Amino acid sequence: MNFSFKFGNHKQNEQFNEAAKVLTEAAEAYKKAMQESASQYNEHRKKAEEQINRGARLTRHQINL
């Protein structure tokens, strides 16, 4: 019988669980970064639209984004 296979399987499971944990953390960090990026984009877009609208009222031109 080869007992090292059983012991190696336990170590393999630990490594698999650790890898899954690291991947989960990476996915959460990516998700958070994407949410922050989207909110930052929306904020900048809102500011740009406000500036365009202010300028459009002065010149009576309208710009569609």
Protein backbone atom coordinates (compact mmCIF):
# COMPACT_ATOMS: atom_id res chain seq x y z
CA MET A 1 0.00 0.00 0.00
CA ASN A 2 1.07 3.50 -0.70
CA PHE A 3 0.23 5.61 2.37
CA SER A 4 1.96 8.72 1.03
CA PHE A 5 -0.90 9.15 -1.44
CA LYS A 6 -3.39 9.63 1.40
CA PHE A 7 -1.19 12.10 3.22
CA GLY A 8 -0.41 13.92 -0.01
CA ASN A 9 -4.13 14.19 -0.71
CA HIS A 10 -4.66 16.07 2.56
CA LYS A 11 -1.85 18.47 1.69
CA GLN A 12 -3.27 18.81 -1.82
CA ASN A 13 -6.68 19.71 -0.36
CA GLU A 14 -5.08 22.34 1.88
CA GLN A 15 -3.29 23.86 -1.11
CA PHE A 16 -6.50 23.79 -3.15
CA ASN A 17 -8.39 25.53 -0.34
CA GLU A 18 -5.67 28.15 -0.02
CA ALA A 19 -5.71 28.75 -3.77
CA ALA A 20 -9.49 29.09 -3.70
CA LYS A 21 -9.20 31.59 -0.85
CA VAL A 22 -6.64 33.67 -2.74
CA LEU A 23 -8.78 33.63 -5.89
CA THR A 24 -11.84 34.69 -3.90
CA GLU A 25 -9.92 37.59 -2.38
CA ALA A 26 -8.66 38.60 -5.83
CA ALA A 27 -12.19 38.49 -7.23
CA GLU A 28 -13.49 40.63 -4.36
CA ALA A 29 -10.69 43.16 -4.86
CA TYR A 30 -11.45 43.29 -8.59
CA LYS A 31 -15.16 43.76 -7.90
CA LYS A 32 -14.44 46.59 -5.45
CA ALA A 33 -12.07 48.27 -7.90
CA MET A 34 -14.65 48.07 -10.68
CA GLN A 35 -17.34 49.57 -8.44
CA GLU A 36 -15.05 52.42 -7.41
CA SER A 37 -14.08 53.01 -11.04
CA ALA A 38 -17.71 53.07 -12.14
CA SER A 39 -18.68 55.54 -9.42
CA GLN A 40 -15.70 57.75 -10.26
CA TYR A 41 -16.64 57.62 -13.96
CA ASN A 42 -20.26 58.54 -13.18
CA GLU A 43 -19.13 61.43 -10.99
CA HIS A 44 -16.84 62.82 -13.70
CA ARG A 45 -19.51 62.36 -16.35
CA LYS A 46 -22.05 64.22 -14.20
CA LYS A 47 -19.62 67.10 -13.70
CA ALA A 48 -18.87 67.24 -17.43
CA GLU A 49 -22.57 67.22 -18.31
CA GLU A 50 -23.19 70.05 -15.84
CA GLN A 51 -20.40 72.10 -17.38
CA ILE A 52 -21.68 71.40 -20.90
CA ASN A 53 -25.20 72.38 -19.88
CA ARG A 54 -23.95 75.60 -18.31
CA GLY A 55 -22.09 76.45 -21.50
CA ALA A 56 -25.03 75.41 -23.67
CA ARG A 57 -27.33 77.86 -21.87
CA LEU A 58 -24.91 80.69 -22.56
CA THR A 59 -24.52 79.91 -26.25
CA ARG A 60 -27.96 78.38 -26.95
CA HIS A 61 -26.36 75.22 -28.33
CA GLN A 62 -27.09 71.76 -27.05
CA ILE A 63 -24.55 68.93 -27.11
CA ASN A 64 -25.75 65.32 -26.98
CA LEU A 65 -23.38 62.82 -25.42
